[in-house]
Amino acid sequence: MNKAYSQLGLAMRAGKLVTGDEIVLKAVRSHEAKLVILAGDASANTQKKFRDKCGTYNVPLMIGFERDKLGSSIGKPERIVLALTDQGFAKMIRKTVCNLSEVEYIE
């Protein structure tokens, strides 16, 4: 799991990551988002909103990280939702996380 968090930090520094409800939804709608990551402790409403939106626009969604760790991995306060806008980073994190059982993975 730590490897995934450091990869998120790398993506943030490279400018290939967006965060925040509206910004992530906009990235999903414009097909910029290659992978959406949602904290496992996000509200049921938020989870439904992103499940539906990612399903509609065919964007992979990952649920199951902790919001405080998501935030600290990218040098910000706690974060509930992030979107990777680069296919390379998205693939790298999917590969890292695929082997972990604590993440609910949705294609």
N, C-alpha and C. Protein backbone atom coordinates (compact mmCIF):
# COMPACT_ATOMS: atom_id res chain seq x y z
N MET A 1 0.83 -1.20 0.00
CA MET A 1 0.00 0.00 0.00
C MET A 1 0.86 1.26 0.00
N ASN A 2 1.97 1.24 0.73
CA ASN A 2 2.85 2.40 0.79
C ASN A 2 3.37 2.78 -0.58
N LYS A 3 3.64 1.75 -1.40
CA LYS A 3 4.15 2.00 -2.75
C LYS A 3 3.12 2.80 -3.56
N ALA A 4 1.86 2.44 -3.44
CA ALA A 4 0.80 3.15 -4.16
C ALA A 4 0.73 4.61 -3.71
N TYR A 5 0.88 4.84 -2.40
CA TYR A 5 0.84 6.22 -1.90
C TYR A 5 2.01 7.03 -2.44
N SER A 6 3.19 6.43 -2.50
CA SER A 6 4.34 7.19 -3.02
C SER A 6 4.19 7.43 -4.52
N GLN A 7 3.54 6.50 -5.23
CA GLN A 7 3.28 6.72 -6.66
C GLN A 7 2.28 7.86 -6.86
N LEU A 8 1.32 7.98 -5.95
CA LEU A 8 0.38 9.10 -6.03
C LEU A 8 1.10 10.42 -5.82
N GLY A 9 2.05 10.44 -4.88
CA GLY A 9 2.85 11.64 -4.64
C GLY A 9 3.64 12.03 -5.88
N LEU A 10 4.18 11.02 -6.54
CA LEU A 10 4.95 11.23 -7.77
C LEU A 10 4.05 11.83 -8.86
N ALA A 11 2.85 11.27 -9.01
CA ALA A 11 1.90 11.78 -10.01
C ALA A 11 1.52 13.23 -9.71
N MET A 12 1.37 13.55 -8.42
CA MET A 12 1.02 14.91 -8.01
C MET A 12 2.14 15.87 -8.40
N ARG A 13 3.37 15.48 -8.09
CA ARG A 13 4.51 16.34 -8.42
C ARG A 13 4.67 16.50 -9.93
N ALA A 14 4.27 15.49 -10.68
CA ALA A 14 4.37 15.55 -12.14
C ALA A 14 3.20 16.34 -12.75
N GLY A 15 2.24 16.72 -11.91
CA GLY A 15 1.08 17.48 -12.39
C GLY A 15 0.07 16.62 -13.14
N LYS A 16 0.06 15.32 -12.83
CA LYS A 16 -0.84 14.39 -13.53
C LYS A 16 -1.97 13.90 -12.63
N LEU A 17 -2.29 14.68 -11.60
CA LEU A 17 -3.30 14.27 -10.64
C LEU A 17 -4.17 15.48 -10.29
N VAL A 18 -5.48 15.29 -10.28
CA VAL A 18 -6.39 16.35 -9.84
C VAL A 18 -7.17 15.85 -8.63
N THR A 19 -7.58 16.78 -7.79
CA THR A 19 -8.26 16.40 -6.56
C THR A 19 -9.40 17.36 -6.28
N GLY A 20 -10.40 16.86 -5.59
CA GLY A 20 -11.58 17.67 -5.27
C GLY A 20 -12.77 17.23 -6.09
N ASP A 21 -13.91 17.19 -5.43
CA ASP A 21 -15.16 16.71 -6.02
C ASP A 21 -15.43 17.23 -7.43
N GLU A 22 -15.59 18.53 -7.55
CA GLU A 22 -16.00 19.12 -8.83
C GLU A 22 -14.93 18.97 -9.91
N ILE A 23 -13.67 19.16 -9.53
CA ILE A 23 -12.58 19.06 -10.50
C ILE A 23 -12.47 17.64 -11.04
N VAL A 24 -12.63 16.65 -10.15
CA VAL A 24 -12.56 15.25 -10.59
C VAL A 24 -13.75 14.92 -11.49
N LEU A 25 -14.94 15.39 -11.12
CA LEU A 25 -16.13 15.14 -11.97
C LEU A 25 -15.94 15.77 -13.35
N LYS A 26 -15.36 16.96 -13.38
CA LYS A 26 -15.10 17.63 -14.66
C LYS A 26 -14.11 16.82 -15.50
N ALA A 27 -13.07 16.27 -14.83
CA ALA A 27 -12.07 15.46 -15.54
C ALA A 27 -12.70 14.18 -16.08
N VAL A 28 -13.63 13.60 -15.32
CA VAL A 28 -14.32 12.39 -15.78
C VAL A 28 -15.18 12.71 -17.00
N ARG A 29 -15.93 13.81 -16.91
CA ARG A 29 -16.81 14.20 -18.02
C ARG A 29 -16.04 14.50 -19.30
N SER A 30 -14.85 15.10 -19.16
CA SER A 30 -14.07 15.49 -20.34
C SER A 30 -13.14 14.37 -20.81
N HIS A 31 -13.25 13.21 -20.17
CA HIS A 31 -12.43 12.03 -20.50
C HIS A 31 -10.95 12.26 -20.23
N GLU A 32 -10.61 13.25 -19.38
CA GLU A 32 -9.22 13.47 -18.99
C GLU A 32 -8.80 12.45 -17.93
N ALA A 33 -9.74 12.06 -17.08
CA ALA A 33 -9.44 11.14 -15.98
C ALA A 33 -9.21 9.74 -16.53
N LYS A 34 -8.08 9.13 -16.18
CA LYS A 34 -7.76 7.77 -16.61
C LYS A 34 -8.05 6.77 -15.49
N LEU A 35 -8.08 7.28 -14.25
CA LEU A 35 -8.37 6.44 -13.08
C LEU A 35 -8.84 7.35 -11.96
N VAL A 36 -9.95 6.99 -11.32
CA VAL A 36 -10.45 7.76 -10.18
C VAL A 36 -10.23 6.93 -8.93
N ILE A 37 -9.70 7.57 -7.90
CA ILE A 37 -9.44 6.90 -6.63
C ILE A 37 -10.31 7.56 -5.57
N LEU A 38 -11.09 6.74 -4.88
CA LEU A 38 -12.03 7.23 -3.88
C LEU A 38 -11.69 6.60 -2.54
N ALA A 39 -11.69 7.43 -1.49
CA ALA A 39 -11.41 6.92 -0.15
C ALA A 39 -12.50 5.93 0.26
N GLY A 40 -12.09 4.85 0.91
CA GLY A 40 -13.04 3.83 1.36
C GLY A 40 -14.00 4.36 2.40
N ASP A 41 -13.60 5.43 3.12
CA ASP A 41 -14.47 5.99 4.15
C ASP A 41 -15.28 7.19 3.64
N ALA A 42 -15.40 7.31 2.32
CA ALA A 42 -16.26 8.35 1.74
C ALA A 42 -17.72 8.00 2.03
N SER A 43 -18.56 9.00 2.07
CA SER A 43 -19.97 8.75 2.37
C SER A 43 -20.61 7.90 1.27
N ALA A 44 -21.69 7.23 1.62
CA ALA A 44 -22.39 6.38 0.65
C ALA A 44 -22.86 7.20 -0.54
N ASN A 45 -23.29 8.43 -0.26
CA ASN A 45 -23.72 9.34 -1.32
C ASN A 45 -22.60 9.63 -2.31
N THR A 46 -21.43 9.95 -1.78
CA THR A 46 -20.26 10.27 -2.61
C THR A 46 -19.85 9.04 -3.41
N GLN A 47 -19.85 7.88 -2.76
CA GLN A 47 -19.48 6.65 -3.46
C GLN A 47 -20.44 6.39 -4.62
N LYS A 48 -21.73 6.57 -4.38
CA LYS A 48 -22.72 6.35 -5.43
C LYS A 48 -22.51 7.33 -6.58
N LYS A 49 -22.27 8.60 -6.24
CA LYS A 49 -22.09 9.63 -7.26
C LYS A 49 -20.93 9.27 -8.19
N PHE A 50 -19.80 8.87 -7.61
CA PHE A 50 -18.63 8.56 -8.43
C PHE A 50 -18.75 7.22 -9.14
N ARG A 51 -19.41 6.25 -8.50
CA ARG A 51 -19.67 4.97 -9.18
C ARG A 51 -20.48 5.20 -10.44
N ASP A 52 -21.56 5.97 -10.29
CA ASP A 52 -22.45 6.25 -11.42
C ASP A 52 -21.72 7.02 -12.52
N LYS A 53 -21.03 8.09 -12.13
CA LYS A 53 -20.36 8.95 -13.10
C LYS A 53 -19.25 8.19 -13.82
N CYS A 54 -18.44 7.44 -13.08
CA CYS A 54 -17.35 6.68 -13.70
C CYS A 54 -17.91 5.58 -14.60
N GLY A 55 -19.01 4.97 -14.18
CA GLY A 55 -19.65 3.94 -14.99
C GLY A 55 -20.17 4.50 -16.31
N THR A 56 -20.81 5.67 -16.23
CA THR A 56 -21.36 6.32 -17.42
C THR A 56 -20.27 6.67 -18.42
N TYR A 57 -19.15 7.22 -17.90
CA TYR A 57 -18.07 7.68 -18.80
C TYR A 57 -16.98 6.63 -18.99
N ASN A 58 -17.21 5.44 -18.45
CA ASN A 58 -16.28 4.33 -18.64
C ASN A 58 -14.87 4.62 -18.12
N VAL A 59 -14.81 5.19 -16.91
CA VAL A 59 -13.53 5.50 -16.27
C VAL A 59 -13.33 4.52 -15.12
N PRO A 60 -12.17 3.84 -15.04
CA PRO A 60 -11.94 2.92 -13.93
C PRO A 60 -11.99 3.64 -12.58
N LEU A 61 -12.56 2.97 -11.59
CA LEU A 61 -12.71 3.55 -10.26
C LEU A 61 -12.14 2.59 -9.23
N MET A 62 -11.38 3.13 -8.29
CA MET A 62 -10.79 2.34 -7.22
C MET A 62 -11.31 2.90 -5.89
N ILE A 63 -11.82 2.04 -5.05
CA ILE A 63 -12.32 2.48 -3.74
C ILE A 63 -11.58 1.71 -2.65
N GLY A 64 -11.17 2.41 -1.59
CA GLY A 64 -10.61 1.67 -0.48
C GLY A 64 -9.39 2.24 0.19
N PHE A 65 -8.94 3.40 -0.21
CA PHE A 65 -7.82 4.02 0.49
C PHE A 65 -8.36 4.79 1.68
N GLU A 66 -7.45 5.25 2.57
CA GLU A 66 -7.88 6.06 3.71
C GLU A 66 -7.69 7.53 3.36
N ARG A 67 -8.70 8.34 3.70
CA ARG A 67 -8.66 9.76 3.27
C ARG A 67 -7.46 10.52 3.81
N ASP A 68 -7.05 10.25 5.06
CA ASP A 68 -5.90 11.00 5.58
C ASP A 68 -4.60 10.59 4.89
N LYS A 69 -4.47 9.31 4.56
CA LYS A 69 -3.26 8.85 3.86
C LYS A 69 -3.25 9.34 2.41
N LEU A 70 -4.42 9.41 1.78
CA LEU A 70 -4.51 9.95 0.42
C LEU A 70 -4.00 11.39 0.42
N GLY A 71 -4.47 12.16 1.38
CA GLY A 71 -4.06 13.56 1.48
C GLY A 71 -2.57 13.70 1.73
N SER A 72 -2.07 12.98 2.73
CA SER A 72 -0.65 13.13 3.07
C SER A 72 0.26 12.63 1.96
N SER A 73 -0.20 11.66 1.17
CA SER A 73 0.64 11.15 0.09
C SER A 73 0.87 12.20 -1.00
N ILE A 74 -0.06 13.14 -1.12
CA ILE A 74 0.11 14.18 -2.14
C ILE A 74 0.41 15.55 -1.52
N GLY A 75 0.71 15.54 -0.21
CA GLY A 75 1.12 16.77 0.47
C GLY A 75 -0.01 17.74 0.73
N LYS A 76 -1.22 17.22 0.95
CA LYS A 76 -2.38 18.07 1.21
C LYS A 76 -3.13 17.51 2.43
N PRO A 77 -4.10 18.30 2.95
CA PRO A 77 -4.94 17.74 4.02
C PRO A 77 -5.75 16.56 3.47
N GLU A 78 -6.52 15.91 4.32
CA GLU A 78 -7.20 14.69 3.86
C GLU A 78 -7.99 14.90 2.57
N ARG A 79 -7.95 13.90 1.71
CA ARG A 79 -8.62 13.93 0.40
C ARG A 79 -9.54 12.74 0.28
N ILE A 80 -10.71 12.95 -0.32
CA ILE A 80 -11.66 11.86 -0.50
C ILE A 80 -11.58 11.31 -1.92
N VAL A 81 -11.33 12.18 -2.88
CA VAL A 81 -11.31 11.72 -4.27
C VAL A 81 -10.16 12.35 -5.05
N LEU A 82 -9.51 11.52 -5.86
CA LEU A 82 -8.42 11.95 -6.73
C LEU A 82 -8.66 11.36 -8.11
N ALA A 83 -8.12 12.01 -9.14
CA ALA A 83 -8.17 11.43 -10.47
C ALA A 83 -6.80 11.57 -11.11
N LEU A 84 -6.33 10.47 -11.69
CA LEU A 84 -5.07 10.50 -12.43
C LEU A 84 -5.40 10.84 -13.87
N THR A 85 -4.65 11.79 -14.44
CA THR A 85 -4.95 12.24 -15.79
C THR A 85 -3.91 11.71 -16.79
N ASP A 86 -3.05 10.83 -16.32
CA ASP A 86 -2.02 10.27 -17.19
C ASP A 86 -2.15 8.75 -17.22
N GLN A 87 -2.19 8.17 -18.42
CA GLN A 87 -2.39 6.73 -18.57
C GLN A 87 -1.26 5.93 -17.92
N GLY A 88 -0.03 6.42 -18.03
CA GLY A 88 1.13 5.72 -17.46
C GLY A 88 1.02 5.59 -15.95
N PHE A 89 0.71 6.70 -15.27
CA PHE A 89 0.55 6.67 -13.81
C PHE A 89 -0.64 5.80 -13.42
N ALA A 90 -1.72 5.90 -14.19
CA ALA A 90 -2.92 5.10 -13.89
C ALA A 90 -2.59 3.62 -13.95
N LYS A 91 -1.87 3.20 -15.00
CA LYS A 91 -1.49 1.79 -15.14
C LYS A 91 -0.59 1.34 -14.01
N MET A 92 0.40 2.18 -13.66
CA MET A 92 1.36 1.85 -12.61
C MET A 92 0.63 1.63 -11.28
N ILE A 93 -0.29 2.51 -10.94
CA ILE A 93 -0.99 2.39 -9.66
C ILE A 93 -1.96 1.21 -9.69
N ARG A 94 -2.62 0.98 -10.82
CA ARG A 94 -3.51 -0.18 -10.92
C ARG A 94 -2.74 -1.47 -10.72
N LYS A 95 -1.56 -1.54 -11.31
CA LYS A 95 -0.74 -2.75 -11.19
C LYS A 95 -0.31 -2.96 -9.73
N THR A 96 0.10 -1.89 -9.06
CA THR A 96 0.51 -1.97 -7.66
C THR A 96 -0.64 -2.41 -6.77
N VAL A 97 -1.82 -1.83 -6.99
CA VAL A 97 -2.96 -2.05 -6.11
C VAL A 97 -3.68 -3.37 -6.39
N CYS A 98 -3.60 -3.86 -7.62
CA CYS A 98 -4.27 -5.10 -7.99
C CYS A 98 -3.94 -6.26 -7.05
N ASN A 99 -2.74 -6.26 -6.52
CA ASN A 99 -2.30 -7.35 -5.64
C ASN A 99 -2.75 -7.18 -4.20
N LEU A 100 -3.36 -6.05 -3.87
CA LEU A 100 -3.74 -5.78 -2.49
C LEU A 100 -5.22 -6.07 -2.27
N SER A 101 -5.52 -6.71 -1.15
CA SER A 101 -6.90 -7.11 -0.90
C SER A 101 -7.71 -6.01 -0.23
N GLU A 102 -7.05 -4.99 0.35
CA GLU A 102 -7.81 -4.00 1.11
C GLU A 102 -8.47 -2.94 0.22
N VAL A 103 -8.30 -3.07 -1.07
CA VAL A 103 -8.90 -2.11 -1.99
C VAL A 103 -9.98 -2.81 -2.81
N GLU A 104 -11.15 -2.21 -2.84
CA GLU A 104 -12.23 -2.71 -3.67
C GLU A 104 -11.97 -2.13 -5.06
N TYR A 105 -11.77 -2.97 -6.01
CA TYR A 105 -11.38 -2.49 -7.33
C TYR A 105 -12.52 -2.66 -8.32
N ILE A 106 -12.87 -1.59 -8.99
CA ILE A 106 -13.95 -1.63 -9.95
C ILE A 106 -13.42 -1.22 -11.31
N GLU A 107 -13.68 -1.99 -12.32
CA GLU A 107 -13.22 -1.65 -13.67
C GLU A 107 -14.29 -0.84 -14.37
